[in-house]
């Protein structure tokens, strides 16, 4: 006679679930201050800016909802295309030049030589210098009367009359780009140098044994190993450079004749000088989808690479 004996499944202690819930609640309490701080400093200002961009808010006057009227006004503004062009030319050309100069600097500092530690510190000076001080210094260098650049050009006989670097439509935008590159290339240099320090030396030794030249080692070992660092630095720098305000405002103020106008300076003129908060809020909101799209594209690419 067969008798089936069923063993009851072991029951978990009744204390386990309450203990886990308490741990979960404690975790929520620990992160709650960060969530509240994030909501107060990021979420609320962001959605408040969106709301302001849909109103005709003026300082001292209650704003009314106007929908997309502020955006329509910006699109019809005569110099809107020039502002859009200037913003992205400074950002894209500036980032491209910072990448080249930063990579060259990293390659030079990656080679052992006497005084390399000192040179690394010197390379970081433009990045460490306050933007306000750096911009005023370059404004003096660009000065059309007593500037260093004009003094050098006239002493060497390259020009007979001073050049108005900041007052000329042909030179003003490039003057800003040069300052942007000078101020930002150390970030690229130190980032790429840190990435190069993590590349195994065995790869270069094996490449040299196989007869690879320095250029081949750079294109087939260094660049592929730094692709994630390159993407992150270029993306961050593109966001920072497209939001440049102090350099443009202190050098040219958007002039001459709006030839160097960018959206940050326009937002300052509308919001601070003219107190038209609604229109000022609409300016950065028009550029936000483009920056968000870049972040999403680069993030998806990096996730696909890791997978």
Protein backbone atom coordinates (compact mmCIF):
# COMPACT_ATOMS: atom_id res chain seq x y z
CA UNK A 1 0.00 0.00 0.00
CA UNK A 2 1.54 3.27 -1.21
CA UNK A 3 1.03 6.28 0.90
CA UNK A 4 1.83 9.71 -0.59
CA UNK A 5 3.34 11.98 1.92
CA UNK A 6 3.27 15.67 0.99
CA UNK A 7 5.73 17.86 2.73
CA UNK A 8 4.53 21.36 3.45
CA UNK A 9 6.62 24.15 1.98
CA UNK A 10 8.68 25.91 4.57
CA UNK A 11 7.03 29.08 5.66
CA UNK A 12 9.04 32.26 5.91
CA UNK A 13 9.10 33.96 9.23
CA UNK A 14 6.36 36.50 9.58
CA UNK A 15 8.91 39.01 10.71
CA UNK A 16 10.71 39.05 7.30
CA UNK A 17 8.22 41.17 5.36
CA UNK A 18 7.81 43.92 7.99
CA UNK A 19 11.59 44.07 8.30
CA UNK A 20 11.97 44.51 4.53
CA UNK A 21 9.30 47.17 4.47
CA UNK A 22 11.06 49.04 7.26
CA UNK A 23 14.32 48.88 5.30
CA UNK A 24 12.54 50.17 2.19
CA UNK A 25 10.97 53.04 4.13
CA UNK A 26 14.32 53.89 5.65
CA UNK A 27 15.84 53.95 2.16
CA UNK A 28 13.10 56.30 0.94
CA UNK A 29 13.70 58.58 3.92
CA UNK A 30 17.42 58.69 3.18
CA UNK A 31 16.93 59.75 -0.45
CA UNK A 32 13.99 62.06 0.29
CA UNK A 33 16.16 65.15 1.00
CA UNK A 34 17.96 64.68 -2.33
CA UNK A 35 14.64 64.28 -4.16
CA UNK A 36 13.24 67.43 -2.55
CA UNK A 37 16.43 69.36 -3.32
CA UNK A 38 16.36 68.17 -6.93
CA UNK A 39 12.70 69.14 -7.26
CA UNK A 40 13.32 72.58 -5.77
CA UNK A 41 16.46 73.40 -7.77
CA UNK A 42 15.80 71.64 -11.09
CA UNK A 43 12.23 70.43 -11.63
CA UNK A 44 10.33 73.50 -10.39
CA UNK A 45 12.55 76.09 -12.16
CA UNK A 46 12.37 74.11 -15.39
CA UNK A 47 8.58 73.87 -15.51
CA UNK A 48 8.27 77.43 -14.24
CA UNK A 49 10.43 78.59 -17.15
CA UNK A 50 8.16 76.73 -19.57
CA UNK A 51 5.12 78.44 -18.04
CA UNK A 52 6.77 81.87 -18.18
CA UNK A 53 7.62 81.35 -21.85
CA UNK A 54 3.89 80.98 -22.53
CA UNK A 55 3.01 84.29 -20.85
CA UNK A 56 3.63 87.98 -21.48
CA UNK A 57 5.18 88.36 -18.03
CA UNK A 58 6.95 91.67 -17.39
CA UNK A 59 8.64 92.52 -14.09
CA UNK A 60 6.15 94.39 -11.92
CA UNK A 61 3.16 93.41 -14.07
CA UNK A 62 1.00 90.30 -13.79
CA UNK A 63 1.55 88.12 -16.85
CA UNK A 64 -1.21 86.65 -18.99
CA UNK A 65 -1.22 83.41 -20.91
CA UNK A 66 -0.37 84.07 -24.56
CA UNK A 67 0.37 80.56 -25.78
CA UNK A 68 3.08 80.37 -28.43
CA UNK A 69 3.07 84.09 -29.19
CA UNK A 70 6.56 84.58 -27.73
CA UNK A 71 7.96 81.79 -29.89
CA UNK A 72 6.27 83.22 -32.97
CA UNK A 73 7.76 86.64 -32.21
CA UNK A 74 11.24 85.15 -31.95
CA UNK A 75 10.90 83.31 -35.25
CA UNK A 76 9.85 86.55 -36.94
CA UNK A 77 12.67 88.53 -35.35
CA UNK A 78 14.91 89.76 -38.24
CA UNK A 79 18.17 88.52 -36.67
CA UNK A 80 16.84 85.19 -35.39
CA UNK A 81 18.61 83.16 -38.11
CA UNK A 82 21.86 84.99 -37.43
CA UNK A 83 21.52 84.35 -33.68
CA UNK A 84 20.83 80.66 -34.32
CA UNK A 85 23.78 80.47 -36.72
CA UNK A 86 26.18 82.25 -34.35
CA UNK A 87 25.22 80.06 -31.40
CA UNK A 88 25.92 76.82 -33.20
CA UNK A 89 28.98 78.06 -35.09
CA UNK A 90 30.62 79.05 -31.81
CA UNK A 91 29.59 75.74 -30.24
CA UNK A 92 30.47 73.35 -33.08
CA UNK A 93 33.63 75.05 -34.35
CA UNK A 94 34.75 75.71 -30.78
CA UNK A 95 34.29 72.08 -29.74
CA UNK A 96 36.04 70.81 -32.89
CA UNK A 97 39.06 73.04 -32.27
CA UNK A 98 39.11 72.19 -28.56
CA UNK A 99 39.14 68.51 -29.50
CA UNK A 100 42.13 68.96 -31.82
CA UNK A 101 44.13 71.19 -29.47
CA UNK A 102 43.22 69.06 -26.45
CA UNK A 103 44.25 65.84 -28.18
CA UNK A 104 47.58 67.32 -29.29
CA UNK A 105 48.21 68.55 -25.76
CA UNK A 106 47.37 65.14 -24.28
CA UNK A 107 49.71 63.37 -26.72
CA UNK A 108 52.54 65.74 -25.83
CA UNK A 109 52.00 65.42 -22.08
CA UNK A 110 51.75 61.63 -22.35
CA UNK A 111 55.38 61.43 -23.46
CA UNK A 112 57.87 61.24 -20.52
CA UNK A 113 60.15 64.30 -20.31
CA UNK A 114 61.69 66.45 -17.62
CA UNK A 115 59.23 68.96 -16.19
CA UNK A 116 56.15 67.11 -17.39
CA UNK A 117 54.33 67.62 -14.07
CA UNK A 118 54.97 71.37 -14.29
CA UNK A 119 53.71 71.50 -17.87
CA UNK A 120 50.52 69.70 -16.85
CA UNK A 121 49.87 72.41 -14.28
CA UNK A 122 50.56 75.16 -16.83
CA UNK A 123 48.15 73.54 -19.30
CA UNK A 124 45.39 73.77 -16.69
CA UNK A 125 45.77 77.52 -16.11
CA UNK A 126 43.24 78.67 -18.75
CA UNK A 127 40.64 76.27 -17.33
CA UNK A 128 41.32 77.34 -13.73
CA UNK A 129 41.30 81.07 -14.48
CA UNK A 130 37.92 82.74 -13.75
CA UNK A 131 35.99 83.42 -16.95
CA UNK A 132 35.49 87.07 -16.06
CA UNK A 133 39.23 87.68 -15.62
CA UNK A 134 40.15 85.67 -18.72
CA UNK A 135 37.65 87.53 -20.90
CA UNK A 136 38.81 90.97 -19.75
CA UNK A 137 42.41 89.93 -20.40
CA UNK A 138 41.60 88.86 -23.96
CA UNK A 139 39.56 92.02 -24.47
CA UNK A 140 42.72 93.97 -23.71
CA UNK A 141 44.69 91.78 -26.14
CA UNK A 142 42.09 92.44 -28.86
CA UNK A 143 41.90 96.18 -28.18
CA UNK A 144 41.92 98.20 -31.39
CA UNK A 145 44.24 100.92 -30.09
CA UNK A 146 46.51 99.61 -27.36
CA UNK A 147 46.00 95.87 -27.75
CA UNK A 148 48.93 93.46 -27.76
CA UNK A 149 47.91 91.81 -31.03
CA UNK A 150 47.72 95.11 -32.91
CA UNK A 151 51.03 96.19 -31.38
CA UNK A 152 52.71 92.99 -32.63
CA UNK A 153 51.16 93.27 -36.10
CA UNK A 154 52.22 96.89 -36.52
CA UNK A 155 55.74 96.35 -35.18
CA UNK A 156 56.31 93.42 -37.55
CA UNK A 157 54.96 95.42 -40.49
CA UNK A 158 52.06 93.07 -41.19
CA UNK A 159 49.61 95.98 -41.04
CA UNK A 160 49.86 99.76 -41.15
CA UNK A 161 46.62 100.54 -39.34
CA UNK A 162 45.16 98.94 -36.19
CA UNK A 163 42.59 96.19 -36.71
CA UNK A 164 39.32 96.40 -34.80
CA UNK A 165 39.05 92.72 -33.89
CA UNK A 166 35.93 93.18 -31.77
CA UNK A 167 34.31 95.91 -33.86
CA UNK A 168 34.67 94.23 -37.24
CA UNK A 169 32.00 91.86 -38.53
CA UNK A 170 34.74 89.73 -40.15
CA UNK A 171 36.81 89.22 -37.00
CA UNK A 172 34.44 89.48 -34.01
CA UNK A 173 32.97 85.97 -34.22
CA UNK A 174 36.39 84.39 -34.67
CA UNK A 175 37.74 86.42 -31.76
CA UNK A 176 35.09 84.82 -29.54
CA UNK A 177 35.80 81.32 -30.89
CA UNK A 178 39.54 81.70 -30.17
CA UNK A 179 38.79 82.70 -26.59
CA UNK A 180 36.35 79.80 -26.21
CA UNK A 181 38.99 77.35 -27.44
CA UNK A 182 41.73 78.81 -25.24
CA UNK A 183 39.49 78.65 -22.16
CA UNK A 184 38.15 75.15 -22.74
CA UNK A 185 40.89 73.01 -24.32
CA UNK A 186 42.50 72.05 -20.93
CA UNK A 187 39.33 70.08 -20.07
CA UNK A 188 39.89 67.99 -23.21
CA UNK A 189 43.61 67.65 -22.55
CA UNK A 190 43.28 66.38 -18.99
CA UNK A 191 40.40 64.04 -19.92
CA UNK A 192 42.24 62.48 -22.85
CA UNK A 193 45.47 62.27 -20.87
CA UNK A 194 43.67 60.35 -18.13
CA UNK A 195 42.21 58.00 -20.75
CA UNK A 196 45.63 57.42 -22.34
CA UNK A 197 47.08 56.47 -18.97
CA UNK A 198 44.60 53.58 -18.87
CA UNK A 199 45.57 52.10 -22.26
CA UNK A 200 47.80 49.01 -21.75
CA UNK A 201 51.33 49.59 -23.01
CA UNK A 202 51.37 46.02 -24.34
CA UNK A 203 49.10 47.11 -27.21
CA UNK A 204 51.61 49.71 -28.39
CA UNK A 205 54.52 47.28 -27.96
CA UNK A 206 52.74 44.64 -30.05
CA UNK A 207 51.90 47.25 -32.70
CA UNK A 208 55.53 48.38 -32.91
CA UNK A 209 56.67 44.77 -33.26
CA UNK A 210 54.24 44.40 -36.18
CA UNK A 211 55.75 47.49 -37.80
CA UNK A 212 52.92 49.97 -37.12
CA UNK A 213 53.84 53.64 -37.44
CA UNK A 214 52.99 56.28 -34.85
CA UNK A 215 50.02 57.42 -36.94
CA UNK A 216 48.72 53.86 -37.22
CA UNK A 217 49.07 53.40 -33.45
CA UNK A 218 47.14 56.62 -32.92
CA UNK A 219 44.28 55.76 -35.29
CA UNK A 220 43.94 52.07 -34.43
CA UNK A 221 44.76 52.01 -30.71
CA UNK A 222 44.52 55.45 -29.11
CA UNK A 223 41.38 56.80 -30.78
CA UNK A 224 39.28 53.59 -30.40
CA UNK A 225 40.31 53.31 -26.75
CA UNK A 226 39.24 56.91 -26.11
CA UNK A 227 35.96 56.87 -28.04
CA UNK A 228 33.75 57.00 -24.92
CA UNK A 229 35.86 59.75 -23.35
CA UNK A 230 35.78 61.69 -26.63
CA UNK A 231 31.99 61.45 -26.89
CA UNK A 232 31.44 62.55 -23.29
CA UNK A 233 33.87 65.47 -23.46
CA UNK A 234 32.50 66.68 -26.79
CA UNK A 235 28.90 66.40 -25.59
CA UNK A 236 29.54 68.24 -22.32
CA UNK A 237 31.60 70.89 -24.06
CA UNK A 238 28.92 71.35 -26.74
CA UNK A 239 26.32 71.99 -24.03
CA UNK A 240 28.60 74.36 -22.10
CA UNK A 241 29.79 76.23 -25.18
CA UNK A 242 26.30 76.68 -26.61
CA UNK A 243 25.34 78.28 -23.29
CA UNK A 244 28.29 80.68 -23.30
CA UNK A 245 27.33 84.10 -21.97
CA UNK A 246 30.17 85.91 -20.19
CA UNK A 247 32.66 85.67 -23.05
CA UNK A 248 30.26 86.98 -25.69
CA UNK A 249 28.73 89.64 -23.47
CA UNK A 250 32.04 91.01 -22.16
CA UNK A 251 33.83 90.91 -25.52
CA UNK A 252 31.22 92.21 -27.95
CA UNK A 253 27.84 92.35 -26.19
CA UNK A 254 26.38 90.68 -29.29
CA UNK A 255 27.72 93.34 -31.66
CA UNK A 256 28.65 94.74 -34.01
CA UNK A 257 25.10 94.96 -35.43
CA UNK A 258 24.13 91.63 -33.83
CA UNK A 259 26.89 89.85 -35.79
CA UNK A 260 27.89 87.92 -32.64
CA UNK A 261 24.46 87.72 -31.03
CA UNK A 262 23.75 84.38 -29.29
CA UNK A 263 20.63 83.21 -27.49
CA UNK A 264 22.07 83.65 -23.99
CA UNK A 265 22.89 87.32 -24.62
CA UNK A 266 19.48 87.89 -26.20
CA UNK A 267 17.80 86.33 -23.16
CA UNK A 268 19.82 88.68 -20.94
CA UNK A 269 18.82 91.73 -22.97
CA UNK A 270 15.14 90.78 -22.90
CA UNK A 271 14.91 89.58 -19.31
CA UNK A 272 17.34 91.77 -17.38
CA UNK A 273 17.65 94.97 -19.37
CA UNK A 274 14.11 95.15 -20.80
CA UNK A 275 12.41 93.13 -17.99
CA UNK A 276 10.36 91.10 -20.52
CA UNK A 277 10.54 87.80 -18.66
CA UNK A 278 8.11 85.90 -20.87
CA UNK A 279 10.03 86.50 -24.08
CA UNK A 280 13.35 85.94 -22.31
CA UNK A 281 12.20 82.53 -21.05
CA UNK A 282 11.12 81.52 -24.56
CA UNK A 283 14.64 81.99 -25.95
CA UNK A 284 16.41 79.11 -24.12
CA UNK A 285 13.29 76.94 -24.39
CA UNK A 286 13.65 77.00 -28.18
CA UNK A 287 17.17 75.57 -27.93
CA UNK A 288 16.42 72.99 -25.24
CA UNK A 289 14.98 70.30 -27.59
CA UNK A 290 18.16 70.38 -29.69
CA UNK A 291 20.41 69.85 -26.68
CA UNK A 292 18.10 67.16 -25.31
CA UNK A 293 18.17 65.37 -28.67
CA UNK A 294 21.98 65.34 -28.65
CA UNK A 295 22.05 63.92 -25.14
CA UNK A 296 19.56 61.17 -26.05
CA UNK A 297 21.43 60.21 -29.22
CA UNK A 298 24.83 60.01 -27.53
CA UNK A 299 23.41 58.14 -24.51
CA UNK A 300 21.71 55.53 -26.71
CA UNK A 301 24.89 55.07 -28.72
CA UNK A 302 26.96 54.52 -25.58
CA UNK A 303 24.44 52.03 -24.20
CA UNK A 304 24.51 50.09 -27.48
CA UNK A 305 28.31 50.04 -27.39
CA UNK A 306 28.31 48.63 -23.84
CA UNK A 307 25.71 45.99 -24.77
